[in-house]
Protein backbone atom coordinates (compact mmCIF):
# COMPACT_ATOMS: atom_id res chain seq x y z
CA MET A 1 124.26 186.52 173.09
CA GLU A 2 120.95 185.15 171.92
CA LYS A 3 118.80 186.63 169.17
CA LYS A 4 116.09 187.70 171.65
CA ASP A 5 118.69 189.64 173.65
CA MET A 6 119.98 191.34 170.51
CA ALA A 7 116.41 192.21 169.50
CA LEU A 8 115.80 193.83 172.89
CA LEU A 9 118.98 195.87 172.56
CA ILE A 10 117.87 197.01 169.11
CA GLU A 11 114.52 198.10 170.56
CA VAL A 12 116.43 200.12 173.16
CA GLU A 13 118.58 201.67 170.42
CA ASP A 14 115.40 202.65 168.53
CA THR A 15 114.03 204.28 171.67
CA LEU A 16 117.31 206.11 172.27
CA ALA A 17 117.27 207.39 168.69
CA ASP A 18 113.74 208.70 169.26
CA MET A 19 114.86 210.32 172.52
CA ASP A 20 117.84 211.86 170.76
CA GLU A 21 115.57 213.39 168.15
CA ALA A 22 113.32 214.82 170.86
CA LEU A 23 116.31 216.20 172.79
CA GLU A 24 117.63 217.82 169.62
CA GLN A 25 114.26 219.45 168.98
CA LEU A 26 113.84 220.65 172.56
CA THR A 27 117.37 221.70 173.48
CA GLY A 28 119.33 221.92 170.25
CA HIS A 29 121.68 219.22 171.55
CA GLY A 30 121.49 215.49 170.99
CA HIS A 31 122.48 212.78 173.43
CA ALA A 32 126.14 212.98 172.42
CA ASN A 33 126.38 216.23 174.35
CA GLY A 34 127.11 216.21 178.08
CA GLU A 35 125.76 213.46 180.29
CA PHE A 36 123.72 211.91 177.49
CA ILE A 37 126.91 210.43 175.94
CA LYS A 38 126.49 207.38 178.18
CA LEU A 39 123.59 206.22 176.00
CA ASP A 40 126.06 205.20 173.29
CA ASN A 41 126.95 202.10 175.31
CA VAL A 42 123.90 200.26 173.93
CA PHE A 43 125.14 200.89 170.38
CA ASP A 44 128.58 199.56 171.33
CA VAL A 45 127.16 196.36 172.84
CA ILE A 46 125.10 195.67 169.72
CA TYR A 47 128.10 196.40 167.49
CA ARG A 48 130.49 194.17 169.44
CA ASN A 49 128.01 191.29 169.37
CA SER A 50 127.29 191.56 165.66
CA HIS A 51 128.69 189.21 163.04
CA ILE A 52 132.33 189.77 162.08
CA VAL A 53 131.15 190.91 158.64
CA TYR A 54 130.01 194.13 160.33
CA SER A 55 132.21 194.46 163.41
CA GLY A 56 135.43 193.26 161.80
CA ASN A 57 135.45 195.68 158.89
CA PRO A 58 135.66 199.27 160.19
CA GLU A 59 135.05 200.97 156.84
CA GLU A 60 132.38 199.12 154.89
CA GLY A 61 131.10 196.85 157.65
CA GLN A 62 130.38 199.61 160.12
CA GLU A 63 128.43 201.63 157.57
CA LEU A 64 126.37 198.58 156.61
CA PHE A 65 125.88 197.75 160.31
CA PHE A 66 124.54 201.24 160.95
CA ARG A 67 122.16 201.09 157.96
CA ILE A 68 120.78 197.73 159.15
CA LEU A 69 120.44 198.90 162.74
CA MET A 70 118.55 202.02 161.65
CA SER A 71 116.26 200.17 159.19
CA ARG A 72 113.01 200.74 161.02
CA ASN A 73 111.09 199.05 158.21
CA LEU A 74 112.43 195.79 159.72
CA THR A 75 111.41 194.52 163.16
CA PRO A 76 114.02 194.38 165.91
CA GLU A 77 113.95 190.58 165.60
CA GLN A 78 114.67 190.76 161.85
CA ARG A 79 117.52 193.21 162.41
CA ALA A 80 118.93 191.06 165.21
CA ASP A 81 118.86 188.02 162.94
CA ILE A 82 120.68 189.90 160.16
CA LEU A 83 123.26 191.44 162.48
CA MET A 84 124.00 188.19 164.30
CA ASN A 85 124.15 185.97 161.22
CA GLY A 86 125.81 188.37 158.77
CA THR A 87 123.20 187.68 156.11
CA VAL A 88 123.35 191.10 154.44
CA ARG A 89 126.65 191.89 152.74
CA VAL A 90 128.00 194.51 150.38
């Protein structure tokens, strides 16, 4: 996977997180309920294509992965670079 592809997936994940927040406000249920569960596939693709520092360490790596992915103060390109290169470590 190339960095530009990862950045696009991160943009999609951001949009899904926004949608989830709106769904929660409107219905009281987030995307993990019912048919919306299928949206988690984007998260899984990003996770599986991230550096082994994040994807190979279920305890610490996954938490750090999630924090980086949700860091909206960084651009999708910056987050893609970090997640693909493993440049942020505990």
